[in-house]
Amino acid sequence: CTMNNCESEEIVEAANIAISNLLPTKSRSLYDIAYNRFKKWCAEKNVQVYSENVLLAYFSENAKNYKSSTLWAQYSMVKSCLIIYDNIDISKFPKLIAFLKRTGDGYQAKKSKILTKSEIDGFLSSSDDKEFLMIKVGLILGIAGACRTDELVNLTVDDIEDVGSSLIVKIPDTKTKIPRIFVVTDVGNMLELFRKYLSLRPPQVKHKRLFLYYKAGKCSSQPVGKNTMGKIPSVVASYLKLPDVACYTGHCLRRSSATLLADAGVDITTIKRHAGWKSTTVAEGYVENSIENKTKIANQVLVGTTTSAITKTVNVSESNIPSNINFENCTNVTFILNVNK
Protein backbone atom coordinates (compact mmCIF):
# COMPACT_ATOMS: atom_id res chain seq x y z
CA CYS A 1 0.00 0.00 0.00
CA THR A 2 1.65 3.23 -1.16
CA MET A 3 0.97 6.60 0.44
CA ASN A 4 -0.97 7.76 -2.64
CA ASN A 5 -3.13 4.62 -2.69
CA CYS A 6 -3.93 5.01 0.99
CA GLU A 7 -5.05 8.63 0.68
CA SER A 8 -8.80 8.99 0.68
CA GLU A 9 -10.66 11.17 -1.80
CA GLU A 10 -11.48 13.53 1.06
CA ILE A 11 -7.80 14.07 1.87
CA VAL A 12 -6.87 14.57 -1.79
CA GLU A 13 -9.67 17.08 -2.25
CA ALA A 14 -8.67 18.99 0.91
CA ALA A 15 -5.03 19.07 -0.26
CA ASN A 16 -6.04 20.39 -3.69
CA ILE A 17 -8.09 23.14 -2.08
CA ALA A 18 -5.15 24.10 0.14
CA ILE A 19 -2.83 24.21 -2.89
CA SER A 20 -5.26 26.37 -4.84
CA ASN A 21 -5.21 28.93 -2.02
CA LEU A 22 -1.42 29.30 -2.07
CA LEU A 23 -1.56 31.81 -4.93
CA PRO A 24 -2.78 35.39 -4.35
CA THR A 25 -6.54 35.56 -4.84
CA LYS A 26 -6.60 38.88 -6.67
CA SER A 27 -3.86 38.08 -9.18
CA ARG A 28 -4.20 34.32 -9.47
CA SER A 29 -5.29 34.59 -13.11
CA LEU A 30 -2.05 36.43 -13.93
CA TYR A 31 -0.02 33.65 -12.27
CA ASP A 32 -1.85 31.02 -14.30
CA ILE A 33 -1.28 32.96 -17.53
CA ALA A 34 2.47 33.26 -16.86
CA TYR A 35 2.73 29.57 -15.94
CA ASN A 36 0.71 28.37 -18.95
CA ARG A 37 2.79 30.56 -21.28
CA PHE A 38 5.95 28.91 -19.94
CA LYS A 39 4.42 25.43 -20.27
CA LYS A 40 3.38 26.17 -23.86
CA TRP A 41 6.91 27.32 -24.70
CA CYS A 42 8.31 24.11 -23.17
CA ALA A 43 5.91 22.02 -25.26
CA GLU A 44 6.99 23.80 -28.44
CA LYS A 45 10.65 23.14 -27.57
CA ASN A 46 9.96 19.51 -26.57
CA VAL A 47 11.25 20.22 -23.06
CA GLN A 48 10.68 17.41 -20.57
CA VAL A 49 12.78 18.58 -17.61
CA TYR A 50 12.68 22.11 -16.18
CA SER A 51 16.42 22.58 -15.70
CA GLU A 52 18.29 25.83 -15.10
CA ASN A 53 19.37 25.94 -18.76
CA VAL A 54 15.73 25.67 -19.82
CA LEU A 55 14.75 28.59 -17.60
CA LEU A 56 17.73 30.63 -18.82
CA ALA A 57 16.74 30.04 -22.44
CA TYR A 58 13.12 30.97 -21.73
CA PHE A 59 13.87 34.23 -19.94
CA SER A 60 16.67 35.25 -22.32
CA GLU A 61 14.14 34.93 -25.15
CA ASN A 62 11.62 37.03 -23.20
CA ALA A 63 14.31 39.62 -22.42
CA LYS A 64 14.24 40.66 -26.09
CA ASN A 65 10.68 41.96 -25.73
CA TYR A 66 10.22 42.88 -22.06
CA LYS A 67 11.90 45.30 -19.68
CA SER A 68 13.65 44.19 -16.51
CA SER A 69 10.75 44.86 -14.12
CA THR A 70 8.40 42.75 -16.28
CA LEU A 71 10.92 39.89 -16.41
CA TRP A 72 11.20 39.87 -12.62
CA ALA A 73 7.41 39.84 -12.30
CA GLN A 74 7.15 36.93 -14.74
CA TYR A 75 9.93 35.09 -12.90
CA SER A 76 8.14 35.52 -9.57
CA MET A 77 4.87 34.15 -10.92
CA VAL A 78 6.47 31.22 -12.76
CA LYS A 79 8.55 30.42 -9.68
CA SER A 80 5.48 30.26 -7.42
CA CYS A 81 3.56 28.06 -9.85
CA LEU A 82 6.47 25.67 -10.40
CA ILE A 83 6.84 25.20 -6.64
CA ILE A 84 3.11 24.56 -6.18
CA TYR A 85 2.35 22.48 -9.28
CA ASP A 86 5.69 20.78 -10.04
CA ASN A 87 7.58 20.91 -6.74
CA ILE A 88 10.51 22.68 -8.47
CA ASP A 89 12.26 25.62 -6.79
CA ILE A 90 13.92 27.79 -9.45
CA SER A 91 15.02 30.31 -6.81
CA LYS A 92 18.00 27.95 -6.33
CA PHE A 93 19.19 28.55 -9.90
CA PRO A 94 22.10 31.02 -9.38
CA LYS A 95 22.85 31.60 -13.07
CA LEU A 96 19.21 32.45 -13.74
CA ILE A 97 19.16 35.00 -10.88
CA ALA A 98 22.44 36.51 -12.11
CA PHE A 99 21.01 36.83 -15.63
CA LEU A 100 17.86 38.59 -14.40
CA LYS A 101 19.96 41.01 -12.36
CA ARG A 102 22.05 41.87 -15.41
CA THR A 103 18.94 42.73 -17.42
CA GLY A 104 18.35 45.53 -14.94
CA ASP A 105 21.72 47.20 -15.55
CA GLY A 106 21.09 50.80 -16.54
CA TYR A 107 17.34 50.46 -16.13
CA GLN A 108 15.62 53.12 -14.08
CA ALA A 109 12.00 52.55 -13.18
CA LYS A 110 9.58 55.42 -13.61
CA LYS A 111 8.30 56.71 -10.31
CA SER A 112 5.35 58.87 -9.51
CA LYS A 113 6.09 62.45 -8.56
CA ILE A 114 5.38 63.51 -5.00
CA LEU A 115 3.47 66.35 -3.38
CA THR A 116 5.32 68.52 -0.88
CA LYS A 117 3.85 69.64 2.42
CA SER A 118 3.42 73.19 1.17
CA GLU A 119 1.62 71.94 -1.95
CA ILE A 120 -0.69 69.75 0.14
CA ASP A 121 -1.45 72.58 2.57
CA GLY A 122 -1.94 74.99 -0.33
CA PHE A 123 -4.51 72.77 -2.03
CA LEU A 124 -6.44 72.07 1.19
CA SER A 125 -6.65 75.75 2.10
CA SER A 126 -7.35 77.31 -1.30
CA SER A 127 -9.52 74.85 -3.23
CA ASP A 128 -13.32 75.11 -3.05
CA ASP A 129 -15.07 72.46 -0.94
CA LYS A 130 -18.06 72.51 -3.27
CA GLU A 131 -15.92 71.06 -6.05
CA PHE A 132 -13.03 69.32 -4.29
CA LEU A 133 -14.29 68.05 -0.92
CA MET A 134 -14.02 64.36 -1.84
CA ILE A 135 -10.55 64.95 -3.31
CA LYS A 136 -9.49 66.70 -0.10
CA VAL A 137 -10.61 63.83 2.13
CA GLY A 138 -8.92 61.27 -0.13
CA LEU A 139 -5.73 63.34 -0.08
CA ILE A 140 -5.77 63.65 3.73
CA LEU A 141 -6.32 59.94 4.38
CA GLY A 142 -3.98 58.84 1.59
CA ILE A 143 -1.08 60.99 2.84
CA ALA A 144 -1.71 60.34 6.54
CA GLY A 145 -1.78 56.57 6.08
CA ALA A 146 0.52 56.07 3.07
CA CYS A 147 -2.48 54.38 1.46
CA ARG A 148 -2.62 52.45 -1.77
CA THR A 149 -5.38 53.34 -4.21
CA ASP A 150 -7.29 50.10 -3.61
CA GLU A 151 -7.05 50.62 0.17
CA LEU A 152 -8.82 53.96 -0.17
CA VAL A 153 -11.38 52.49 -2.54
CA ASN A 154 -12.27 49.68 -0.11
CA LEU A 155 -12.22 51.84 3.01
CA THR A 156 -15.57 51.71 4.84
CA VAL A 157 -17.24 53.97 7.38
CA ASP A 158 -16.74 51.19 9.93
CA ASP A 159 -12.95 51.37 9.43
CA ILE A 160 -12.80 54.94 10.79
CA GLU A 161 -13.44 55.90 14.40
CA ASP A 162 -13.91 59.57 15.23
CA VAL A 163 -12.72 60.06 18.81
CA GLY A 164 -13.13 63.82 18.82
CA SER A 165 -9.54 64.99 18.78
CA SER A 166 -8.51 62.59 16.00
CA LEU A 167 -9.56 59.86 13.59
CA ILE A 168 -8.39 56.29 14.12
CA VAL A 169 -8.26 54.55 10.75
CA LYS A 170 -7.89 50.79 10.26
CA ILE A 171 -6.75 49.45 6.90
CA PRO A 172 -7.83 45.78 6.64
CA ASP A 173 -5.20 43.22 5.60
CA THR A 174 -6.71 40.26 3.76
CA LYS A 175 -3.56 38.14 4.28
CA THR A 176 -2.68 38.57 7.94
CA LYS A 177 -6.15 39.68 9.07
CA ILE A 178 -4.32 42.23 11.24
CA PRO A 179 -5.31 45.77 10.23
CA ARG A 180 -2.75 48.52 9.68
CA ILE A 181 -3.72 51.46 11.89
CA PHE A 182 -2.94 55.14 11.46
CA VAL A 183 -4.26 58.33 13.03
CA VAL A 184 -5.37 61.66 11.54
CA THR A 185 -4.95 64.44 14.11
CA ASP A 186 -6.76 67.76 14.29
CA VAL A 187 -4.28 69.73 12.18
CA GLY A 188 -5.72 72.70 10.33
CA ASN A 189 -9.27 71.82 9.36
CA MET A 190 -8.64 68.20 8.35
CA LEU A 191 -11.13 66.69 10.78
CA GLU A 192 -13.69 69.32 9.87
CA LEU A 193 -13.34 68.40 6.16
CA PHE A 194 -13.80 64.69 6.90
CA ARG A 195 -16.88 65.30 9.07
CA LYS A 196 -18.37 67.61 6.48
CA TYR A 197 -17.95 64.98 3.77
CA LEU A 198 -19.34 62.21 5.96
CA SER A 199 -22.41 64.33 6.84
CA LEU A 200 -23.30 64.51 3.14
CA ARG A 201 -23.69 60.74 2.90
CA PRO A 202 -27.22 59.96 1.63
CA PRO A 203 -29.32 57.99 4.14
CA GLN A 204 -30.42 55.49 1.47
CA VAL A 205 -26.89 54.20 0.79
CA LYS A 206 -26.92 50.44 1.39
CA HIS A 207 -23.17 49.75 1.19
CA LYS A 208 -20.56 50.99 3.68
CA ARG A 209 -17.86 52.23 1.31
CA LEU A 210 -16.60 55.59 2.56
CA PHE A 211 -15.89 57.34 -0.72
CA LEU A 212 -18.95 58.24 -2.77
CA TYR A 213 -19.14 60.23 -5.97
CA TYR A 214 -19.28 63.92 -5.15
CA LYS A 215 -20.45 66.78 -7.34
CA ALA A 216 -21.65 70.33 -6.70
CA GLY A 217 -21.64 69.86 -2.94
CA LYS A 218 -23.60 66.60 -2.91
CA CYS A 219 -22.79 62.90 -2.61
CA SER A 220 -24.51 60.20 -4.65
CA SER A 221 -24.99 56.59 -3.61
CA GLN A 222 -22.44 55.33 -6.14
CA PRO A 223 -19.06 54.36 -4.65
CA VAL A 224 -15.88 55.84 -6.11
CA GLY A 225 -13.93 53.43 -8.31
CA LYS A 226 -10.19 52.74 -8.49
CA ASN A 227 -9.59 54.91 -11.57
CA THR A 228 -11.20 57.97 -10.02
CA MET A 229 -9.38 57.44 -6.72
CA GLY A 230 -6.08 57.00 -8.52
CA LYS A 231 -6.48 60.38 -10.21
CA ILE A 232 -6.61 62.33 -6.92
CA PRO A 233 -2.90 63.33 -7.08
CA SER A 234 -3.16 64.48 -10.70
CA VAL A 235 -6.27 66.53 -9.87
CA VAL A 236 -4.35 68.23 -7.06
CA ALA A 237 -1.35 68.81 -9.34
CA SER A 238 -3.58 70.24 -12.07
CA TYR A 239 -5.25 72.63 -9.63
CA LEU A 240 -1.85 73.82 -8.37
CA LYS A 241 -0.65 74.16 -12.00
CA LEU A 242 2.31 71.86 -11.38
CA PRO A 243 4.31 70.59 -14.40
CA ASP A 244 3.95 67.02 -15.69
CA VAL A 245 0.50 66.45 -14.20
CA ALA A 246 0.32 62.94 -15.69
CA CYS A 247 3.33 61.92 -13.56
CA TYR A 248 1.27 62.29 -10.37
CA THR A 249 -0.14 58.76 -10.35
CA GLY A 250 -2.02 56.82 -7.68
CA HIS A 251 1.31 55.93 -6.05
CA CYS A 252 1.90 59.62 -5.38
CA LEU A 253 0.06 59.53 -2.04
CA ARG A 254 2.09 56.59 -0.74
CA ARG A 255 5.42 58.01 -1.95
CA SER A 256 4.62 61.49 -0.65
CA SER A 257 3.78 60.11 2.80
CA ALA A 258 7.07 58.16 2.99
CA THR A 259 9.07 61.17 1.78
CA LEU A 260 7.47 63.55 4.28
CA LEU A 261 8.37 61.13 7.09
CA ALA A 262 11.95 60.83 5.83
CA ASP A 263 12.25 64.63 5.60
CA ALA A 264 11.11 64.85 9.21
CA GLY A 265 14.01 62.62 10.24
CA VAL A 266 11.97 59.46 10.85
CA ASP A 267 14.03 56.26 10.63
CA ILE A 268 13.39 53.66 7.93
CA THR A 269 12.04 51.10 10.44
CA THR A 270 9.26 53.48 11.47
CA ILE A 271 8.49 54.28 7.83
CA LYS A 272 8.25 50.56 7.02
CA ARG A 273 5.92 49.96 9.96
CA HIS A 274 3.75 52.96 9.06
CA ALA A 275 3.22 51.94 5.44
CA GLY A 276 3.23 48.18 5.97
CA TRP A 277 6.43 47.42 4.04
CA LYS A 278 8.50 44.39 4.99
CA SER A 279 11.48 45.13 2.76
CA THR A 280 13.84 48.00 3.52
CA THR A 281 14.79 48.18 -0.17
CA VAL A 282 11.16 48.60 -1.19
CA ALA A 283 10.58 51.28 1.45
CA GLU A 284 13.66 53.23 0.37
CA GLY A 285 12.43 53.08 -3.21
CA TYR A 286 9.34 55.03 -2.22
CA VAL A 287 11.28 57.82 -0.51
CA GLU A 288 11.95 60.68 -2.90
CA ASN A 289 15.34 62.39 -2.70
CA SER A 290 13.76 65.78 -2.13
CA ILE A 291 15.60 69.08 -2.09
CA GLU A 292 14.70 69.45 1.59
CA ASN A 293 16.35 66.14 2.41
CA LYS A 294 19.42 67.01 0.32
CA THR A 295 19.67 70.38 2.12
CA LYS A 296 19.77 68.61 5.48
CA ILE A 297 22.55 66.36 4.26
CA ALA A 298 24.48 69.34 2.87
CA ASN A 299 24.27 71.12 6.23
CA GLN A 300 25.53 68.03 8.01
CA VAL A 301 28.44 67.55 5.58
CA LEU A 302 29.54 71.13 4.89
CA VAL A 303 28.51 73.03 8.02
CA GLY A 304 28.50 70.26 10.60
CA THR A 305 24.99 71.13 11.75
CA THR A 306 21.58 69.65 11.35
CA THR A 307 18.22 71.23 10.72
CA SER A 308 16.41 69.11 13.26
CA ALA A 309 14.08 71.02 15.53
CA ILE A 310 14.95 71.69 19.16
CA THR A 311 12.03 72.69 21.34
CA LYS A 312 12.40 74.28 24.73
CA THR A 313 9.55 75.52 26.88
CA VAL A 314 10.14 78.10 29.59
CA ASN A 315 7.39 79.09 31.98
CA VAL A 316 7.63 82.54 33.52
CA SER A 317 5.29 84.48 35.78
CA GLU A 318 4.54 88.20 35.79
CA SER A 319 6.99 88.65 38.63
CA ASN A 320 10.00 87.20 36.84
CA ILE A 321 9.58 88.25 33.21
CA PRO A 322 13.12 88.78 31.85
CA SER A 323 13.92 92.27 30.61
CA ASN A 324 15.78 90.86 27.60
CA ILE A 325 16.57 87.52 25.99
CA ASN A 326 19.88 86.98 24.17
CA PHE A 327 20.59 84.39 21.48
CA GLU A 328 24.13 83.83 20.27
CA ASN A 329 25.78 81.75 17.51
CA CYS A 330 22.45 80.90 15.88
CA THR A 331 21.98 80.23 12.15
CA ASN A 332 18.90 79.08 10.27
CA VAL A 333 16.77 79.17 13.42
CA THR A 334 13.05 79.86 13.87
CA PHE A 335 11.79 81.13 17.21
CA ILE A 336 8.14 80.69 18.16
CA LEU A 337 7.05 82.69 21.20
CA ASN A 338 3.68 81.93 22.75
CA VAL A 339 2.52 84.58 25.20
CA ASN A 340 -0.37 83.61 27.46
CA LYS A 341 -1.96 86.42 29.44
Foldseek 3Di string as FASTA:
>chain_A
DDPVVPDDPVNVVVVVVVLVPPDDPVCVVVLVVLQVVLVVVCVVVVNDDDDLVSLQVVLVVVLVPDALVVSVVSVVSNQSCCCSPVVDHCVPNVVSVVVSVVSCVPPDDQAFDADAPVLLVVCVPPDDCQACLLLNLLLQVCLQQLDFLVQLLQFFPVQWDCPPQKIWGWRADPPPRHTQITIGGPDDPNVVSLVLQQVQADPPQPDGRSAADHHRSHGDSHGDDSVVSQLSQLVSCVVVVHPPSVSNTSSRSNLNNLQVCVLLVHDLVVNCSSNVHPDSVVSVVSHDPDPSVVVQVCCCPPVVDGPHDDDDDDDDDPVDDDPDDDDPPDDPDDDDDDDDD
